[in-house]
Protein backbone atom coordinates (compact mmCIF):
# COMPACT_ATOMS: atom_id res chain seq x y z
CA UNK A 1 -5.54 31.50 -26.42
CA UNK A 2 -7.47 32.10 -23.45
CA UNK A 3 -9.65 35.38 -25.31
CA UNK A 4 -10.51 32.71 -28.29
CA UNK A 5 -11.45 30.28 -25.91
CA UNK A 6 -13.77 32.93 -23.88
CA UNK A 7 -14.77 34.27 -27.73
CA UNK A 8 -15.78 30.80 -28.18
CA UNK A 9 -18.01 30.07 -25.21
CA UNK A 10 -19.78 32.77 -25.12
CA UNK A 11 -20.71 32.25 -28.80
CA UNK A 12 -24.13 29.67 -29.30
CA UNK A 13 -23.47 26.00 -30.24
CA UNK A 14 -25.85 25.77 -32.97
CA UNK A 15 -24.37 21.94 -34.28
CA UNK A 16 -23.95 19.16 -32.79
CA UNK A 17 -20.23 18.16 -32.06
CA UNK A 18 -19.66 15.39 -34.50
CA UNK A 19 -18.42 12.98 -31.57
CA UNK A 20 -16.97 12.75 -28.37
CA UNK A 21 -13.27 12.97 -29.51
CA UNK A 22 -14.34 16.36 -31.22
CA UNK A 23 -16.02 17.93 -28.73
CA UNK A 24 -14.13 20.28 -26.39
CA UNK A 25 -15.96 21.96 -23.88
CA UNK A 26 -14.42 25.72 -24.33
CA UNK A 27 -16.34 26.50 -21.41
CA UNK A 28 -14.32 24.55 -19.08
CA UNK A 29 -11.35 24.96 -21.41
CA UNK A 30 -11.02 28.29 -19.89
CA UNK A 31 -10.14 27.31 -16.24
CA UNK A 32 -6.80 25.99 -16.20
CA UNK A 33 -8.01 23.64 -13.25
CA UNK A 34 -9.75 22.33 -15.97
CA UNK A 35 -7.27 21.42 -18.19
CA UNK A 36 -4.67 20.22 -15.81
CA UNK A 37 -7.25 17.84 -14.35
CA UNK A 38 -7.60 16.24 -17.99
CA UNK A 39 -4.11 15.97 -18.02
CA UNK A 40 -4.22 13.99 -15.06
CA UNK A 41 -6.77 12.00 -15.98
CA UNK A 42 -4.76 11.23 -19.15
CA UNK A 43 -1.70 10.22 -17.02
CA UNK A 44 -4.56 7.99 -14.95
CA UNK A 45 -5.05 6.22 -18.83
CA UNK A 46 -1.84 6.57 -19.95
CA UNK A 47 -0.29 4.29 -17.13
CA UNK A 48 -3.70 1.75 -16.44
CA UNK A 49 -3.44 2.49 -12.79
CA UNK A 50 -4.39 4.98 -10.25
CA UNK A 51 -1.42 7.21 -8.64
CA UNK A 52 -2.22 7.71 -5.27
CA UNK A 53 -0.53 3.96 -4.37
CA UNK A 54 2.60 5.46 -6.31
CA UNK A 55 2.08 8.71 -3.85
CA UNK A 56 2.00 6.87 -0.62
CA UNK A 57 5.45 5.13 -2.00
CA UNK A 58 7.15 8.12 -2.46
CA UNK A 59 6.41 9.74 0.24
CA UNK A 60 7.68 6.90 2.22
CA UNK A 61 10.37 6.66 0.69
CA UNK A 62 11.40 10.30 1.64
CA UNK A 63 10.12 10.31 4.66
CA UNK A 64 10.65 6.75 6.34
CA UNK A 65 8.78 5.82 9.24
CA UNK A 66 5.81 7.83 9.56
CA UNK A 67 2.35 7.29 11.19
CA UNK A 68 -0.82 6.91 9.00
CA UNK A 69 -2.31 9.71 10.13
CA UNK A 70 0.81 11.69 8.57
CA UNK A 71 0.41 10.05 5.41
CA UNK A 72 -3.81 11.27 5.83
CA UNK A 73 -2.60 14.79 6.29
CA UNK A 74 -0.24 14.65 3.41
CA UNK A 75 -2.36 12.97 0.86
CA UNK A 76 -5.44 15.11 2.21
CA UNK A 77 -7.20 11.85 1.94
CA UNK A 78 -9.77 10.59 5.25
CA UNK A 79 -7.46 8.16 7.20
CA UNK A 80 -9.64 5.33 6.57
CA UNK A 81 -8.89 5.64 2.70
CA UNK A 82 -5.01 5.76 3.69
CA UNK A 83 -6.10 1.94 5.87
CA UNK A 84 -7.72 0.70 2.56
CA UNK A 85 -4.18 1.99 0.43
CA UNK A 86 -1.69 0.70 3.23
CA UNK A 87 -3.64 -2.81 3.35
CA UNK A 88 -3.50 -2.92 -0.21
CA UNK A 89 0.35 -2.26 -0.60
CA UNK A 90 0.92 -4.31 2.79
CA UNK A 91 -0.68 -7.31 1.07
CA UNK A 92 1.51 -6.71 -1.96
CA UNK A 93 4.74 -6.96 0.14
CA UNK A 94 5.44 -3.19 -1.06
CA UNK A 95 5.16 -1.53 2.61
CA UNK A 96 5.04 -2.58 5.82
CA UNK A 97 3.16 -1.67 9.16
CA UNK A 98 4.32 -2.18 12.35
CA UNK A 99 3.06 -0.64 15.74
CA UNK A 100 4.45 2.69 17.00
CA UNK A 101 6.74 1.74 19.95
CA UNK A 102 5.83 5.16 22.04
CA UNK A 103 1.95 4.55 21.29
CA UNK A 104 0.70 1.14 21.00
CA UNK A 105 -2.54 2.35 19.27
CA UNK A 106 -0.59 3.83 16.39
CA UNK A 107 1.17 2.36 12.94
CA UNK A 108 4.42 3.40 11.69
CA UNK A 109 4.86 2.85 7.92
CA UNK A 110 7.83 2.06 5.90
CA UNK A 111 8.25 1.49 2.59
CA UNK A 112 10.15 -1.93 1.49
CA UNK A 113 13.11 -2.93 -1.16
CA UNK A 114 10.34 -4.09 -3.67
CA UNK A 115 7.94 -1.17 -2.83
CA UNK A 116 10.79 0.98 -3.90
CA UNK A 117 11.63 -1.04 -6.87
CA UNK A 118 8.08 -0.26 -7.97
CA UNK A 119 8.34 3.15 -7.42
CA UNK A 120 11.20 3.82 -9.55
CA UNK A 121 9.50 1.62 -12.34
CA UNK A 122 6.78 3.61 -12.13
CA UNK A 123 8.56 7.04 -11.99
CA UNK A 124 10.03 5.83 -15.57
CA UNK A 125 6.24 4.99 -16.75
CA UNK A 126 5.60 8.39 -14.89
CA UNK A 127 8.07 10.11 -17.06
CA UNK A 128 7.43 8.40 -20.26
CA UNK A 129 3.61 9.23 -20.29
CA UNK A 130 4.73 12.74 -19.66
CA UNK A 131 6.99 12.81 -22.77
CA UNK A 132 3.67 11.33 -24.59
CA UNK A 133 1.34 14.14 -22.91
CA UNK A 134 3.41 16.66 -23.51
CA UNK A 135 4.93 16.07 -26.92
CA UNK A 136 3.31 19.12 -28.40
CA UNK A 137 5.27 21.09 -25.74
CA UNK A 138 8.78 22.27 -26.28
CA UNK A 139 11.35 21.73 -23.50
CA UNK A 140 11.17 25.00 -22.40
CA UNK A 141 7.57 24.92 -22.34
CA UNK A 142 7.00 21.96 -20.15
CA UNK A 143 9.51 23.09 -17.65
CA UNK A 144 7.72 26.43 -17.54
CA UNK A 145 4.29 24.30 -16.96
CA UNK A 146 6.01 22.99 -14.51
CA UNK A 147 7.44 25.88 -12.30
CA UNK A 148 4.24 27.83 -12.80
CA UNK A 149 2.28 24.81 -11.68
CA UNK A 150 4.70 24.51 -8.37
CA UNK A 151 4.39 28.17 -7.65
CA UNK A 152 0.43 27.96 -8.11
CA UNK A 153 0.32 25.63 -5.31
CA UNK A 154 2.79 28.12 -3.32
CA UNK A 155 5.85 26.59 -3.72
CA UNK A 156 9.09 28.44 -4.17
CA UNK A 157 10.24 27.51 -7.38
CA UNK A 158 13.34 30.02 -7.46
CA UNK A 159 14.84 27.79 -4.89
CA UNK A 160 17.48 25.11 -5.73
């Protein structure tokens, strides 16, 4: 498959693509990160919502009572963006933000019961959307794709 994409990329295109749905940028499809990015964008489109809020809720469900700085570090985004995310989640009643009793300059974040329900609902939507997006893959291929993605990120996929 990779060789086929490379060959298609190296060939000169003599015809205009017949439409956006039929155009495949083979020069980009040669890169796994581009293909994975396309899957990520397709997930956003399928869900109709950004996933950052879900990531925040998921992390808070696993690690309750964390600082905004820890969230910024984990999400690998600017602290000001975390403030905007938390503002939105707090206004929706999904997250609480309280002053840290040990350092009044900091806030401690926690997920609410409503936030946990939304997280669980979004998880179910993500699993359903994943089934649609990866319908061309067998269950074994899906597991392999997931395992290899985790391995590329540095996670030991042999640990249980």
